[in-house]
Amino acid sequence: MDLPKYIHGPQDTLPKTLASRVSFLRNGRRIHIAELSLQARVPIQLLEDIEAGIETWLPTSIRQRIARVLKVDPNILEEVEVKYFSNEQLEKNPPIELIERMCQRILEGSNDIKCPQCNSAMKVWIQDGFDLNGEPIKTPKGYCTSCIFQLKSS
């Protein structure tokens, strides 16, 4: 099946899960998973987890990058995401000291970080960048694999 040049608006004809929808769109665009990883700047392991149905929710920035490469409106992916959280989890704000410790552990290379809200495993990585003076900086990043918690470091 040939896909339109760009897909937007509600789509009843697309698969009903994030896993099958990403796989369907990627295959329809004839993009290898490694190429999607490279173009969207998303770890291949995350894409494999998405297509396997392990990851059912995407942070906004990742959703937007994947959608751009797949030539779809980000809402096309978001409408089939499954978010598991309760109102109690939404109200929790971890202490800043805990966030700072998490950031330090990520920068030290630790991958076994637990979510401070639901104690599930987190996906973590270090983002390389530059400050306003052009000096290289490393920023710890992460999100929970089960709830909506995202690591926001300053």
N, C-alpha and C. Protein backbone atom coordinates (compact mmCIF):
# COMPACT_ATOMS: atom_id res chain seq x y z
N MET A 1 0.84 -1.19 0.00
CA MET A 1 0.00 0.00 0.00
C MET A 1 0.88 1.25 0.00
N ASP A 2 0.61 2.17 -0.90
CA ASP A 2 1.34 3.43 -0.93
C ASP A 2 0.67 4.43 0.02
N LEU A 3 1.50 5.10 0.79
CA LEU A 3 0.99 6.08 1.73
C LEU A 3 0.96 7.46 1.09
N PRO A 4 0.05 8.33 1.55
CA PRO A 4 0.06 9.72 1.06
C PRO A 4 1.38 10.38 1.44
N LYS A 5 1.71 11.47 0.76
CA LYS A 5 2.97 12.16 1.02
C LYS A 5 3.09 12.57 2.49
N TYR A 6 2.01 13.07 3.08
CA TYR A 6 1.99 13.45 4.49
C TYR A 6 0.63 13.07 5.05
N ILE A 7 0.63 12.49 6.25
CA ILE A 7 -0.63 12.06 6.87
C ILE A 7 -0.95 12.98 8.05
N HIS A 8 -2.16 13.51 8.06
CA HIS A 8 -2.61 14.36 9.16
C HIS A 8 -4.09 14.12 9.38
N GLY A 9 -4.57 14.55 10.53
CA GLY A 9 -5.99 14.37 10.85
C GLY A 9 -6.28 12.97 11.35
N PRO A 10 -7.44 12.74 11.93
CA PRO A 10 -7.81 11.42 12.43
C PRO A 10 -7.75 10.37 11.32
N GLN A 11 -7.20 9.22 11.66
CA GLN A 11 -7.02 8.16 10.66
C GLN A 11 -7.63 6.85 11.16
N ASP A 12 -8.79 6.50 10.63
CA ASP A 12 -9.43 5.24 11.01
C ASP A 12 -8.80 4.05 10.30
N THR A 13 -8.05 4.30 9.23
CA THR A 13 -7.50 3.22 8.43
C THR A 13 -6.14 2.73 8.92
N LEU A 14 -5.55 3.43 9.88
CA LEU A 14 -4.23 3.04 10.39
C LEU A 14 -4.39 2.06 11.55
N PRO A 15 -3.35 1.25 11.82
CA PRO A 15 -3.40 0.32 12.96
C PRO A 15 -3.73 1.04 14.26
N LYS A 16 -4.28 0.30 15.21
CA LYS A 16 -4.84 0.89 16.42
C LYS A 16 -3.90 0.92 17.62
N THR A 17 -2.66 0.40 17.49
CA THR A 17 -1.70 0.46 18.59
C THR A 17 -0.47 1.23 18.13
N LEU A 18 0.25 1.79 19.09
CA LEU A 18 1.47 2.53 18.76
C LEU A 18 2.46 1.60 18.07
N ALA A 19 2.62 0.39 18.59
CA ALA A 19 3.58 -0.57 18.02
C ALA A 19 3.28 -0.85 16.55
N SER A 20 2.05 -1.23 16.27
CA SER A 20 1.71 -1.58 14.89
C SER A 20 1.66 -0.35 13.99
N ARG A 21 1.30 0.79 14.54
CA ARG A 21 1.22 2.01 13.72
C ARG A 21 2.62 2.47 13.29
N VAL A 22 3.57 2.50 14.22
CA VAL A 22 4.93 2.91 13.87
C VAL A 22 5.53 1.94 12.86
N SER A 23 5.36 0.65 13.10
CA SER A 23 5.88 -0.37 12.18
C SER A 23 5.24 -0.23 10.80
N PHE A 24 3.92 -0.06 10.77
CA PHE A 24 3.19 0.09 9.51
C PHE A 24 3.67 1.31 8.72
N LEU A 25 3.79 2.44 9.41
CA LEU A 25 4.22 3.67 8.74
C LEU A 25 5.68 3.57 8.27
N ARG A 26 6.52 2.99 9.11
CA ARG A 26 7.93 2.84 8.74
C ARG A 26 8.07 1.95 7.51
N ASN A 27 7.38 0.84 7.51
CA ASN A 27 7.42 -0.07 6.35
C ASN A 27 6.77 0.56 5.12
N GLY A 28 5.68 1.31 5.34
CA GLY A 28 5.02 1.98 4.23
C GLY A 28 5.89 3.04 3.58
N ARG A 29 6.76 3.65 4.37
CA ARG A 29 7.70 4.65 3.84
C ARG A 29 9.00 3.99 3.35
N ARG A 30 9.07 2.66 3.52
CA ARG A 30 10.26 1.88 3.12
C ARG A 30 11.52 2.39 3.81
N ILE A 31 11.41 2.57 5.13
CA ILE A 31 12.52 3.04 5.94
C ILE A 31 12.94 1.91 6.87
N HIS A 32 14.21 1.54 6.84
CA HIS A 32 14.74 0.52 7.76
C HIS A 32 14.76 1.11 9.16
N ILE A 33 14.61 0.28 10.17
CA ILE A 33 14.58 0.76 11.56
C ILE A 33 15.86 1.51 11.92
N ALA A 34 17.00 1.07 11.38
CA ALA A 34 18.27 1.76 11.65
C ALA A 34 18.26 3.15 11.03
N GLU A 35 17.66 3.30 9.88
CA GLU A 35 17.58 4.61 9.22
C GLU A 35 16.64 5.53 10.00
N LEU A 36 15.52 5.00 10.48
CA LEU A 36 14.60 5.80 11.30
C LEU A 36 15.33 6.27 12.55
N SER A 37 16.09 5.38 13.17
CA SER A 37 16.87 5.72 14.36
C SER A 37 17.82 6.86 14.07
N LEU A 38 18.53 6.78 12.97
CA LEU A 38 19.50 7.80 12.61
C LEU A 38 18.82 9.14 12.28
N GLN A 39 17.81 9.11 11.44
CA GLN A 39 17.16 10.35 11.02
C GLN A 39 16.39 11.02 12.16
N ALA A 40 15.77 10.23 13.02
CA ALA A 40 14.98 10.80 14.12
C ALA A 40 15.82 11.06 15.37
N ARG A 41 17.07 10.64 15.34
CA ARG A 41 17.96 10.78 16.50
C ARG A 41 17.33 10.13 17.74
N VAL A 42 16.90 8.88 17.55
CA VAL A 42 16.27 8.10 18.61
C VAL A 42 17.03 6.78 18.69
N PRO A 43 17.38 6.31 19.89
CA PRO A 43 18.10 5.05 20.00
C PRO A 43 17.33 3.90 19.34
N ILE A 44 18.05 3.05 18.61
CA ILE A 44 17.41 1.94 17.91
C ILE A 44 16.70 1.02 18.91
N GLN A 45 17.27 0.87 20.11
CA GLN A 45 16.63 0.02 21.13
C GLN A 45 15.25 0.57 21.50
N LEU A 46 15.11 1.88 21.57
CA LEU A 46 13.80 2.48 21.88
C LEU A 46 12.82 2.17 20.76
N LEU A 47 13.25 2.30 19.51
CA LEU A 47 12.37 1.98 18.37
C LEU A 47 11.96 0.51 18.39
N GLU A 48 12.91 -0.36 18.71
CA GLU A 48 12.58 -1.78 18.80
C GLU A 48 11.57 -2.02 19.92
N ASP A 49 11.75 -1.33 21.06
CA ASP A 49 10.80 -1.46 22.17
C ASP A 49 9.41 -0.92 21.78
N ILE A 50 9.38 0.16 21.02
CA ILE A 50 8.10 0.71 20.56
C ILE A 50 7.40 -0.30 19.66
N GLU A 51 8.13 -0.82 18.66
CA GLU A 51 7.50 -1.75 17.71
C GLU A 51 7.18 -3.10 18.34
N ALA A 52 7.82 -3.43 19.45
CA ALA A 52 7.51 -4.68 20.16
C ALA A 52 6.34 -4.49 21.13
N GLY A 53 5.89 -3.24 21.31
CA GLY A 53 4.78 -2.97 22.22
C GLY A 53 5.22 -2.81 23.66
N ILE A 54 6.53 -2.74 23.91
CA ILE A 54 7.03 -2.55 25.27
C ILE A 54 6.85 -1.10 25.70
N GLU A 55 7.22 -0.18 24.81
CA GLU A 55 7.01 1.24 25.06
C GLU A 55 5.67 1.62 24.44
N THR A 56 4.78 2.17 25.25
CA THR A 56 3.45 2.51 24.76
C THR A 56 3.16 4.00 24.82
N TRP A 57 4.14 4.77 25.27
CA TRP A 57 3.99 6.21 25.41
C TRP A 57 5.30 6.86 25.06
N LEU A 58 5.26 8.00 24.36
CA LEU A 58 6.47 8.69 23.92
C LEU A 58 6.54 10.09 24.50
N PRO A 59 7.72 10.50 24.95
CA PRO A 59 7.88 11.91 25.30
C PRO A 59 7.64 12.76 24.05
N THR A 60 7.19 13.97 24.23
CA THR A 60 6.82 14.84 23.11
C THR A 60 7.93 15.00 22.09
N SER A 61 9.16 15.25 22.55
CA SER A 61 10.26 15.49 21.61
C SER A 61 10.55 14.27 20.75
N ILE A 62 10.48 13.09 21.34
CA ILE A 62 10.73 11.85 20.58
C ILE A 62 9.59 11.61 19.60
N ARG A 63 8.35 11.81 20.06
CA ARG A 63 7.19 11.64 19.18
C ARG A 63 7.32 12.56 17.96
N GLN A 64 7.70 13.80 18.18
CA GLN A 64 7.82 14.76 17.09
C GLN A 64 8.91 14.36 16.10
N ARG A 65 10.04 13.87 16.60
CA ARG A 65 11.13 13.49 15.69
C ARG A 65 10.76 12.26 14.87
N ILE A 66 10.13 11.29 15.50
CA ILE A 66 9.70 10.09 14.76
C ILE A 66 8.65 10.47 13.73
N ALA A 67 7.69 11.29 14.13
CA ALA A 67 6.61 11.71 13.21
C ALA A 67 7.18 12.46 12.01
N ARG A 68 8.19 13.30 12.24
CA ARG A 68 8.78 14.07 11.14
C ARG A 68 9.37 13.12 10.10
N VAL A 69 10.09 12.11 10.54
CA VAL A 69 10.71 11.17 9.59
C VAL A 69 9.65 10.31 8.89
N LEU A 70 8.60 9.94 9.63
CA LEU A 70 7.54 9.12 9.04
C LEU A 70 6.54 9.95 8.24
N LYS A 71 6.70 11.25 8.25
CA LYS A 71 5.85 12.18 7.50
C LYS A 71 4.38 12.08 7.92
N VAL A 72 4.21 12.18 9.25
CA VAL A 72 2.85 12.20 9.80
C VAL A 72 2.78 13.30 10.84
N ASP A 73 1.57 13.76 11.09
CA ASP A 73 1.35 14.69 12.18
C ASP A 73 1.63 13.93 13.48
N PRO A 74 2.32 14.53 14.47
CA PRO A 74 2.59 13.83 15.73
C PRO A 74 1.34 13.30 16.41
N ASN A 75 0.19 13.95 16.18
CA ASN A 75 -1.06 13.47 16.78
C ASN A 75 -1.45 12.08 16.28
N ILE A 76 -0.97 11.72 15.09
CA ILE A 76 -1.24 10.39 14.53
C ILE A 76 -0.63 9.32 15.44
N LEU A 77 0.52 9.61 16.03
CA LEU A 77 1.14 8.67 16.97
C LEU A 77 0.52 8.81 18.36
N GLU A 78 0.31 10.05 18.79
CA GLU A 78 -0.19 10.29 20.14
C GLU A 78 -1.57 9.68 20.36
N GLU A 79 -2.43 9.66 19.33
CA GLU A 79 -3.79 9.17 19.52
C GLU A 79 -3.86 7.69 19.87
N VAL A 80 -2.77 6.93 19.63
CA VAL A 80 -2.79 5.51 19.97
C VAL A 80 -1.84 5.17 21.13
N GLU A 81 -1.24 6.19 21.74
CA GLU A 81 -0.38 5.95 22.89
C GLU A 81 -1.23 5.57 24.10
N VAL A 82 -0.65 4.76 24.96
CA VAL A 82 -1.32 4.35 26.19
C VAL A 82 -0.49 4.87 27.34
N LYS A 83 -1.10 5.70 28.17
CA LYS A 83 -0.41 6.29 29.30
C LYS A 83 -1.00 5.71 30.58
N TYR A 84 -0.14 5.10 31.38
CA TYR A 84 -0.59 4.52 32.63
C TYR A 84 -0.19 5.43 33.78
N PHE A 85 -1.14 6.10 34.39
CA PHE A 85 -0.86 6.91 35.55
C PHE A 85 -2.16 7.19 36.29
N SER A 86 -2.01 7.56 37.53
CA SER A 86 -3.18 7.91 38.33
C SER A 86 -3.07 9.37 38.75
N ASN A 87 -4.15 9.93 39.25
CA ASN A 87 -4.12 11.32 39.73
C ASN A 87 -3.11 11.47 40.86
N GLU A 88 -2.96 10.42 41.67
CA GLU A 88 -2.00 10.47 42.76
C GLU A 88 -0.58 10.65 42.21
N GLN A 89 -0.25 9.94 41.13
CA GLN A 89 1.07 10.06 40.54
C GLN A 89 1.29 11.45 39.95
N LEU A 90 0.24 12.04 39.40
CA LEU A 90 0.37 13.36 38.80
C LEU A 90 0.73 14.43 39.83
N GLU A 91 0.28 14.24 41.07
CA GLU A 91 0.47 15.25 42.09
C GLU A 91 1.83 15.17 42.76
N LYS A 92 2.55 14.06 42.61
CA LYS A 92 3.84 13.91 43.27
C LYS A 92 4.89 14.76 42.60
N ASN A 93 5.66 15.47 43.42
CA ASN A 93 6.81 16.22 42.94
C ASN A 93 8.01 15.75 43.74
N PRO A 94 8.92 15.00 43.10
CA PRO A 94 10.08 14.51 43.85
C PRO A 94 10.94 15.68 44.36
N PRO A 95 11.56 15.52 45.52
CA PRO A 95 12.41 16.58 46.04
C PRO A 95 13.56 16.87 45.08
N ILE A 96 13.98 18.13 45.02
CA ILE A 96 15.05 18.53 44.11
C ILE A 96 16.35 17.76 44.40
N GLU A 97 16.58 17.42 45.66
CA GLU A 97 17.79 16.67 46.01
C GLU A 97 17.79 15.30 45.34
N LEU A 98 16.63 14.68 45.26
CA LEU A 98 16.51 13.37 44.61
C LEU A 98 16.79 13.50 43.11
N ILE A 99 16.24 14.53 42.49
CA ILE A 99 16.47 14.77 41.06
C ILE A 99 17.96 15.00 40.81
N GLU A 100 18.59 15.80 41.66
CA GLU A 100 20.03 16.06 41.49
C GLU A 100 20.85 14.79 41.63
N ARG A 101 20.48 13.91 42.57
CA ARG A 101 21.19 12.62 42.73
C ARG A 101 21.01 11.75 41.50
N MET A 102 19.78 11.72 40.96
CA MET A 102 19.51 10.94 39.75
C MET A 102 20.38 11.45 38.60
N CYS A 103 20.44 12.76 38.42
CA CYS A 103 21.24 13.36 37.35
C CYS A 103 22.70 12.98 37.51
N GLN A 104 23.21 13.06 38.73
CA GLN A 104 24.61 12.72 38.98
C GLN A 104 24.89 11.25 38.65
N ARG A 105 23.98 10.36 39.03
CA ARG A 105 24.17 8.93 38.74
C ARG A 105 24.16 8.67 37.23
N ILE A 106 23.30 9.36 36.50
CA ILE A 106 23.26 9.20 35.04
C ILE A 106 24.58 9.67 34.43
N LEU A 107 25.07 10.83 34.89
CA LEU A 107 26.33 11.36 34.37
C LEU A 107 27.51 10.45 34.72
N GLU A 108 27.39 9.69 35.80
CA GLU A 108 28.44 8.74 36.19
C GLU A 108 28.33 7.42 35.42
N GLY A 109 27.29 7.29 34.59
CA GLY A 109 27.16 6.11 33.74
C GLY A 109 26.17 5.06 34.21
N SER A 110 25.44 5.34 35.28
CA SER A 110 24.47 4.37 35.79
C SER A 110 23.25 4.29 34.88
N ASN A 111 22.79 3.07 34.60
CA ASN A 111 21.60 2.87 33.78
C ASN A 111 20.43 2.32 34.58
N ASP A 112 20.67 1.91 35.83
CA ASP A 112 19.62 1.28 36.63
C ASP A 112 18.93 2.29 37.52
N ILE A 113 18.37 3.31 36.89
CA ILE A 113 17.67 4.38 37.61
C ILE A 113 16.19 4.02 37.72
N LYS A 114 15.63 4.19 38.91
CA LYS A 114 14.21 3.91 39.13
C LYS A 114 13.43 5.22 39.20
N CYS A 115 12.22 5.18 38.71
CA CYS A 115 11.33 6.34 38.72
C CYS A 115 10.99 6.72 40.17
N PRO A 116 11.10 8.00 40.52
CA PRO A 116 10.76 8.41 41.88
C PRO A 116 9.26 8.41 42.15
N GLN A 117 8.44 8.29 41.11
CA GLN A 117 6.99 8.29 41.31
C GLN A 117 6.42 6.89 41.42
N CYS A 118 6.87 5.97 40.56
CA CYS A 118 6.25 4.63 40.55
C CYS A 118 7.26 3.50 40.74
N ASN A 119 8.54 3.83 40.85
CA ASN A 119 9.62 2.86 41.08
C ASN A 119 9.84 1.90 39.92
N SER A 120 9.37 2.25 38.73
CA SER A 120 9.63 1.44 37.53
C SER A 120 10.97 1.86 36.94
N ALA A 121 11.46 1.03 36.02
CA ALA A 121 12.72 1.35 35.35
C ALA A 121 12.57 2.60 34.50
N MET A 122 13.64 3.37 34.43
CA MET A 122 13.65 4.55 33.57
C MET A 122 14.59 4.32 32.41
N LYS A 123 14.27 4.93 31.28
CA LYS A 123 15.17 5.00 30.13
C LYS A 123 15.99 6.26 30.34
N VAL A 124 17.31 6.12 30.39
CA VAL A 124 18.17 7.27 30.63
C VAL A 124 19.27 7.34 29.59
N TRP A 125 19.75 8.57 29.34
CA TRP A 125 20.86 8.79 28.42
C TRP A 125 21.48 10.14 28.73
N ILE A 126 22.62 10.39 28.11
CA ILE A 126 23.30 11.67 28.27
C ILE A 126 23.26 12.39 26.93
N GLN A 127 22.74 13.60 26.94
CA GLN A 127 22.67 14.41 25.73
C GLN A 127 23.87 15.34 25.69
N ASP A 128 24.63 15.28 24.61
CA ASP A 128 25.76 16.18 24.41
C ASP A 128 25.26 17.46 23.76
N GLY A 129 25.82 18.58 24.18
CA GLY A 129 25.43 19.85 23.59
C GLY A 129 26.48 20.90 23.88
N PHE A 130 26.12 22.14 23.66
CA PHE A 130 27.03 23.26 23.89
C PHE A 130 26.29 24.35 24.64
N ASP A 131 27.02 25.03 25.54
CA ASP A 131 26.41 26.16 26.24
C ASP A 131 26.49 27.40 25.36
N LEU A 132 26.06 28.54 25.88
CA LEU A 132 26.02 29.77 25.09
C LEU A 132 27.41 30.27 24.69
N ASN A 133 28.44 29.80 25.40
CA ASN A 133 29.81 30.18 25.09
C ASN A 133 30.49 29.18 24.16
N GLY A 134 29.73 28.19 23.69
CA GLY A 134 30.29 27.18 22.79
C GLY A 134 31.05 26.07 23.51
N GLU A 135 30.97 26.05 24.84
CA GLU A 135 31.64 25.01 25.61
C GLU A 135 30.77 23.75 25.61
N PRO A 136 31.40 22.57 25.46
CA PRO A 136 30.61 21.33 25.48
C PRO A 136 30.01 21.07 26.86
N ILE A 137 28.77 20.59 26.86
CA ILE A 137 28.10 20.22 28.11
C ILE A 137 27.41 18.88 27.92
N LYS A 138 27.23 18.17 29.01
CA LYS A 138 26.51 16.90 29.01
C LYS A 138 25.30 17.07 29.92
N THR A 139 24.13 16.70 29.40
CA THR A 139 22.90 16.86 30.16
C THR A 139 22.25 15.49 30.35
N PRO A 140 21.99 15.10 31.61
CA PRO A 140 21.30 13.83 31.85
C PRO A 140 19.84 13.94 31.44
N LYS A 141 19.35 12.92 30.77
CA LYS A 141 17.96 12.87 30.32
C LYS A 141 17.36 11.54 30.71
N GLY A 142 16.04 11.50 30.86
CA GLY A 142 15.39 10.24 31.17
C GLY A 142 13.89 10.38 31.27
N TYR A 143 13.23 9.23 31.10
CA TYR A 143 11.79 9.19 31.29
C TYR A 143 11.41 7.81 31.81
N CYS A 144 10.31 7.76 32.53
CA CYS A 144 9.83 6.50 33.09
C CYS A 144 9.19 5.66 32.00
N THR A 145 9.39 4.35 32.10
CA THR A 145 8.79 3.44 31.12
C THR A 145 7.35 3.08 31.47
N SER A 146 6.89 3.51 32.65
CA SER A 146 5.52 3.14 33.07
C SER A 146 4.59 4.32 33.32
N CYS A 147 5.12 5.40 33.85
CA CYS A 147 4.24 6.54 34.14
C CYS A 147 4.71 7.76 33.33
N ILE A 148 4.21 8.92 33.65
CA ILE A 148 4.50 10.11 32.85
C ILE A 148 5.72 10.88 33.32
N PHE A 149 6.43 10.38 34.31
CA PHE A 149 7.58 11.12 34.85
C PHE A 149 8.67 11.29 33.79
N GLN A 150 9.16 12.53 33.68
CA GLN A 150 10.31 12.85 32.83
C GLN A 150 11.32 13.60 33.67
N LEU A 151 12.58 13.25 33.51
CA LEU A 151 13.65 13.93 34.24
C LEU A 151 13.86 15.30 33.62
N LYS A 152 13.68 16.31 34.43
CA LYS A 152 13.91 17.68 33.98
C LYS A 152 15.05 18.23 34.81
N SER A 153 16.23 18.32 34.20
CA SER A 153 17.38 18.84 34.93
C SER A 153 17.72 20.22 34.40
N SER A 154 18.32 21.03 35.24
CA SER A 154 18.66 22.39 34.81
C SER A 154 20.13 22.50 34.51
